[in-house]
N, C-alpha and C. Protein backbone atom coordinates (compact mmCIF):
# COMPACT_ATOMS: atom_id res chain seq x y z
N UNK A 1 9.90 59.03 -49.75
CA UNK A 1 9.32 58.07 -50.64
C UNK A 1 7.99 58.22 -50.91
N UNK A 2 7.65 58.22 -52.26
CA UNK A 2 6.42 58.06 -52.54
C UNK A 2 5.65 56.66 -52.99
N UNK A 3 4.50 57.43 -53.48
CA UNK A 3 3.97 55.74 -53.43
C UNK A 3 4.09 54.94 -54.43
N UNK A 4 4.61 55.38 -55.78
CA UNK A 4 4.96 54.80 -56.67
C UNK A 4 6.61 53.95 -56.34
N UNK A 5 7.50 54.63 -55.82
CA UNK A 5 8.54 53.95 -55.52
C UNK A 5 8.18 53.34 -54.07
N UNK A 6 7.30 53.14 -53.72
CA UNK A 6 7.30 51.81 -52.58
C UNK A 6 6.65 51.03 -53.07
N UNK A 7 5.51 50.93 -53.82
CA UNK A 7 5.08 50.02 -54.80
C UNK A 7 6.12 49.14 -55.79
N UNK A 8 7.25 49.97 -55.93
CA UNK A 8 8.27 49.51 -56.90
C UNK A 8 9.32 48.39 -56.17
N UNK A 9 9.43 48.88 -54.59
CA UNK A 9 10.05 48.22 -53.74
C UNK A 9 9.55 46.68 -53.46
N UNK A 10 7.75 47.02 -53.40
CA UNK A 10 7.49 46.10 -52.24
C UNK A 10 7.19 45.00 -53.53
N UNK A 11 7.18 45.03 -54.59
CA UNK A 11 7.11 44.09 -56.12
C UNK A 11 8.48 43.36 -55.92
N UNK A 12 9.45 44.33 -55.89
CA UNK A 12 10.88 43.58 -55.83
C UNK A 12 10.61 42.84 -54.73
N UNK A 13 10.78 42.98 -53.80
CA UNK A 13 10.82 41.95 -52.64
C UNK A 13 9.60 41.28 -52.73
N UNK A 14 8.60 40.97 -53.10
CA UNK A 14 7.71 39.76 -52.97
C UNK A 14 8.03 39.13 -54.62
N UNK A 15 8.95 39.56 -55.54
CA UNK A 15 9.06 38.51 -56.45
C UNK A 15 10.26 37.58 -55.73
N UNK A 16 11.33 38.29 -55.10
CA UNK A 16 12.60 37.98 -54.82
C UNK A 16 11.79 36.75 -53.53
N UNK A 17 11.31 36.88 -52.55
CA UNK A 17 10.73 35.80 -52.11
C UNK A 17 10.10 34.85 -52.83
N UNK A 18 9.22 34.58 -53.25
CA UNK A 18 8.49 34.30 -54.46
C UNK A 18 9.84 32.99 -55.38
N UNK A 19 10.70 34.11 -55.85
CA UNK A 19 11.52 33.18 -56.68
C UNK A 19 12.56 32.41 -55.83
N UNK A 20 12.70 32.78 -54.64
CA UNK A 20 13.61 31.99 -53.45
C UNK A 20 12.78 30.83 -52.98
N UNK A 21 11.29 31.43 -52.60
CA UNK A 21 10.38 29.83 -52.27
C UNK A 21 10.50 28.95 -53.43
N UNK A 22 10.17 29.29 -54.37
CA UNK A 22 10.36 28.36 -55.64
C UNK A 22 11.93 27.53 -55.87
N UNK A 23 12.71 28.46 -55.98
CA UNK A 23 13.94 27.81 -55.92
C UNK A 23 14.36 26.84 -54.39
N UNK A 24 14.03 27.17 -53.71
CA UNK A 24 13.85 25.81 -52.57
C UNK A 24 13.52 25.28 -52.58
N UNK A 25 12.08 25.06 -52.84
CA UNK A 25 10.96 24.04 -53.19
C UNK A 25 11.67 23.05 -53.97
N UNK A 26 11.92 23.61 -55.33
CA UNK A 26 13.01 22.92 -56.38
C UNK A 26 14.09 22.03 -55.68
N UNK A 27 14.79 22.59 -55.16
CA UNK A 27 15.99 21.99 -54.67
C UNK A 27 15.69 20.76 -53.55
N UNK A 28 14.49 21.08 -52.63
CA UNK A 28 14.20 19.99 -51.80
C UNK A 28 13.72 18.82 -52.82
N UNK A 29 12.67 19.38 -53.93
CA UNK A 29 11.94 18.31 -54.68
C UNK A 29 13.17 17.44 -55.29
N UNK A 30 14.46 18.11 -55.75
CA UNK A 30 15.34 17.27 -56.24
C UNK A 30 16.03 15.97 -55.57
N UNK A 31 15.51 16.15 -54.36
CA UNK A 31 16.18 15.07 -53.30
C UNK A 31 15.09 14.14 -53.49
N UNK A 32 13.76 14.69 -53.09
CA UNK A 32 12.66 13.92 -52.46
C UNK A 32 12.21 14.11 -53.65
N UNK A 33 10.88 12.57 -53.71
CA UNK A 33 10.01 12.54 -55.18
C UNK A 33 9.19 13.54 -55.33
N UNK A 34 9.48 14.01 -56.60
CA UNK A 34 8.99 15.07 -56.96
C UNK A 34 9.35 15.89 -58.02
N UNK A 35 8.42 16.74 -58.56
CA UNK A 35 8.60 17.32 -60.19
C UNK A 35 9.60 18.67 -59.70
N UNK A 36 11.09 18.43 -58.89
CA UNK A 36 11.83 19.56 -58.52
C UNK A 36 12.33 20.57 -59.86
N UNK A 37 12.40 20.44 -60.85
CA UNK A 37 12.73 21.05 -61.82
C UNK A 37 11.72 21.88 -62.66
N UNK A 38 10.94 21.43 -62.16
CA UNK A 38 9.22 22.64 -62.56
C UNK A 38 9.45 23.30 -61.48
N UNK A 39 9.86 23.62 -59.94
CA UNK A 39 9.86 24.31 -59.34
C UNK A 39 11.04 25.13 -59.51
N UNK A 40 12.06 24.56 -59.65
CA UNK A 40 13.48 25.15 -59.87
C UNK A 40 13.44 26.15 -60.70
N UNK A 41 13.35 26.05 -62.33
CA UNK A 41 13.65 26.93 -63.02
C UNK A 41 12.23 28.02 -63.29
N UNK A 42 11.70 27.88 -62.42
CA UNK A 42 10.80 29.34 -62.94
C UNK A 42 11.24 30.20 -61.44
N UNK A 43 12.04 29.72 -60.35
CA UNK A 43 12.40 30.49 -59.49
C UNK A 43 13.57 30.43 -59.81
N UNK A 44 14.46 30.25 -60.44
CA UNK A 44 15.84 31.02 -61.04
C UNK A 44 15.47 31.47 -61.82
N UNK A 45 14.31 31.91 -62.77
CA UNK A 45 14.17 32.76 -63.79
C UNK A 45 13.70 33.78 -63.14
N UNK A 46 13.01 33.85 -61.71
CA UNK A 46 12.36 34.96 -61.10
C UNK A 46 13.65 36.14 -60.63
N UNK A 47 14.49 34.64 -59.91
CA UNK A 47 15.63 35.43 -58.93
C UNK A 47 16.50 35.86 -60.18
N UNK A 48 16.75 35.57 -61.40
CA UNK A 48 17.40 36.48 -62.21
C UNK A 48 17.19 37.63 -63.07
N UNK A 49 15.86 37.61 -62.90
CA UNK A 49 15.44 38.91 -63.59
C UNK A 49 15.31 39.71 -62.18
N UNK A 50 15.47 39.72 -60.65
CA UNK A 50 15.77 40.74 -59.87
C UNK A 50 17.34 41.13 -59.17
N UNK A 51 18.06 39.75 -59.51
CA UNK A 51 19.27 39.96 -59.05
C UNK A 51 20.40 39.80 -59.90
N UNK A 52 21.31 40.46 -59.94
CA UNK A 52 22.45 40.50 -60.76
C UNK A 52 23.27 39.10 -60.70
N UNK A 53 23.61 38.92 -59.46
CA UNK A 53 24.22 37.96 -59.31
C UNK A 53 23.74 36.58 -59.51
N UNK A 54 22.97 36.24 -59.45
CA UNK A 54 21.82 34.86 -59.97
C UNK A 54 21.83 34.69 -61.29
N UNK A 55 21.92 35.76 -62.14
CA UNK A 55 21.85 36.20 -63.42
C UNK A 55 23.49 35.72 -64.22
N UNK A 56 24.22 36.06 -63.08
CA UNK A 56 26.15 35.61 -63.74
C UNK A 56 26.27 34.55 -63.38
N UNK A 57 25.58 33.67 -62.49
CA UNK A 57 25.70 32.12 -62.08
C UNK A 57 24.94 31.12 -63.20
N UNK A 58 24.02 31.94 -63.48
CA UNK A 58 23.27 31.29 -64.93
C UNK A 58 23.87 31.29 -65.90
N UNK A 59 24.47 32.23 -66.29
CA UNK A 59 25.12 32.51 -67.33
C UNK A 59 26.34 31.64 -67.45
N UNK A 60 26.79 31.54 -66.00
CA UNK A 60 27.79 30.78 -66.79
C UNK A 60 27.57 29.20 -66.82
N UNK A 61 26.80 28.92 -66.04
CA UNK A 61 26.33 27.41 -66.02
C UNK A 61 25.94 27.33 -67.25
N UNK A 62 25.17 28.36 -68.28
CA UNK A 62 24.84 28.12 -69.40
C UNK A 62 26.20 27.80 -70.60
N UNK A 63 27.42 28.65 -70.00
CA UNK A 63 28.18 28.37 -71.11
C UNK A 63 28.48 27.62 -70.94
N UNK A 64 28.81 26.55 -69.66
CA UNK A 64 29.65 25.55 -69.49
C UNK A 64 28.83 24.32 -70.24
N UNK A 65 27.04 24.87 -69.66
CA UNK A 65 26.73 23.72 -70.70
C UNK A 65 26.96 23.80 -72.47
N UNK A 66 27.05 24.97 -72.79
CA UNK A 66 27.13 25.21 -74.37
C UNK A 66 28.63 24.30 -74.50
N UNK A 67 29.35 24.35 -73.48
CA UNK A 67 31.10 23.93 -73.99
C UNK A 67 31.15 22.66 -74.00
N UNK A 68 30.21 21.84 -72.68
CA UNK A 68 30.27 20.27 -72.85
C UNK A 68 29.33 19.73 -74.01
N UNK A 69 28.18 20.87 -74.28
CA UNK A 69 27.69 19.97 -75.99
C UNK A 69 28.45 20.56 -76.94
N UNK A 70 29.27 21.41 -76.97
CA UNK A 70 30.42 21.23 -78.12
C UNK A 70 30.98 20.18 -78.08
N UNK A 71 31.85 20.10 -77.07
CA UNK A 71 32.93 18.70 -76.76
C UNK A 71 32.08 17.63 -77.62
N UNK A 72 31.10 17.49 -76.70
CA UNK A 72 30.26 16.25 -77.30
C UNK A 72 29.86 16.14 -78.31
N UNK A 73 29.76 17.02 -79.74
CA UNK A 73 29.80 16.89 -80.66
C UNK A 73 31.18 16.54 -81.65
N UNK A 74 31.36 17.24 -80.71
CA UNK A 74 33.21 17.28 -81.55
C UNK A 74 33.74 15.96 -81.19
N UNK A 75 33.58 15.37 -80.74
CA UNK A 75 33.74 13.70 -80.18
C UNK A 75 32.91 12.62 -80.83
N UNK A 76 31.69 13.29 -81.66
CA UNK A 76 30.85 12.24 -82.04
C UNK A 76 31.87 12.15 -83.73
N UNK A 77 32.24 13.65 -83.75
CA UNK A 77 32.91 13.33 -85.37
C UNK A 77 34.60 13.00 -85.36
N UNK A 78 34.85 12.58 -84.38
CA UNK A 78 36.45 11.81 -83.93
C UNK A 78 37.53 13.00 -83.50
N UNK A 79 37.11 13.99 -82.73
CA UNK A 79 38.01 15.12 -82.65
C UNK A 79 38.02 15.18 -81.19
N UNK A 80 39.21 14.51 -79.94
CA UNK A 80 39.01 14.20 -78.82
C UNK A 80 39.88 15.05 -78.07
N UNK A 81 39.52 15.29 -76.80
CA UNK A 81 39.96 16.76 -75.78
C UNK A 81 40.59 15.61 -74.82
N UNK A 82 41.49 16.05 -74.69
CA UNK A 82 42.80 15.65 -73.18
C UNK A 82 42.70 16.52 -72.09
N UNK A 83 41.76 16.37 -70.95
CA UNK A 83 41.67 17.56 -70.05
C UNK A 83 41.87 17.21 -68.87
N UNK A 84 42.88 16.05 -69.09
CA UNK A 84 43.65 15.41 -67.68
C UNK A 84 44.50 16.61 -67.01
N UNK A 85 45.27 16.05 -66.16
CA UNK A 85 45.93 17.33 -65.24
C UNK A 85 47.13 17.80 -66.06
N UNK A 86 47.62 19.10 -65.88
CA UNK A 86 48.82 19.62 -66.43
C UNK A 86 49.82 18.80 -66.16
N UNK A 87 50.90 18.62 -67.15
CA UNK A 87 52.43 18.16 -66.80
C UNK A 87 53.22 18.61 -65.28
N UNK A 88 52.78 20.20 -65.88
CA UNK A 88 53.63 20.57 -64.54
C UNK A 88 52.71 20.61 -63.64
N UNK A 89 52.23 19.63 -62.79
CA UNK A 89 51.31 19.81 -61.58
C UNK A 89 52.26 20.35 -60.16
N UNK A 90 51.46 20.63 -58.73
CA UNK A 90 51.92 21.28 -57.86
C UNK A 90 52.93 20.45 -57.74
N UNK A 91 53.04 19.39 -57.49
CA UNK A 91 54.80 18.60 -57.08
C UNK A 91 56.10 18.71 -57.62
N UNK A 92 55.67 19.09 -59.13
CA UNK A 92 56.86 19.18 -60.20
C UNK A 92 57.59 20.68 -60.11
N UNK A 93 56.53 21.61 -59.86
CA UNK A 93 56.80 23.36 -59.96
C UNK A 93 57.49 23.52 -58.67
N UNK A 94 58.40 24.49 -58.83
CA UNK A 94 59.66 24.94 -57.79
C UNK A 94 58.04 26.21 -57.18
N UNK A 95 58.69 26.26 -55.82
CA UNK A 95 58.06 27.35 -55.25
C UNK A 95 57.75 28.65 -55.83
N UNK A 96 57.02 29.38 -55.90
CA UNK A 96 56.46 30.81 -56.14
C UNK A 96 57.50 31.60 -55.22
N UNK A 97 57.73 32.87 -56.37
CA UNK A 97 58.44 33.83 -55.85
C UNK A 97 60.03 34.08 -56.84
N UNK A 98 60.66 34.55 -55.68
CA UNK A 98 62.11 34.68 -56.66
C UNK A 98 63.01 33.59 -56.65
N UNK A 99 63.99 32.87 -57.38
CA UNK A 99 64.69 32.28 -57.17
C UNK A 99 65.51 32.42 -56.01
N UNK A 100 66.03 31.12 -55.49
CA UNK A 100 66.94 31.80 -53.73
C UNK A 100 68.47 30.91 -54.47
N UNK A 101 69.34 31.15 -54.27
CA UNK A 101 70.72 31.24 -54.45
C UNK A 101 70.81 30.28 -53.18
N UNK A 102 72.20 29.20 -53.79
CA UNK A 102 72.35 28.38 -52.54
C UNK A 102 73.78 28.51 -52.18
N UNK A 103 73.85 29.73 -51.30
CA UNK A 103 75.11 29.64 -50.99
C UNK A 103 75.35 29.47 -49.09
């Protein structure tokens, strides 16, 4: 391992550590009195730059937020959504697998 590769790995772990520290502090401060969001957002941003699974989680959360926002806007103009349980719930359906003969 050469010096440049070692520096890149060191900075990678430093950024991950700072990201986790800020995220953890933000989560704690969401429960306790304090500015939790001010620590949570930069922490998640640092983690998403270094970790693909954090990036994927944030992308899903953003998509859900967009969907909720679009549904609120649609309801403002009179379009309603029924997101209740399906007609054929787990109690109404037959067990999975091939149908059994009754002989």
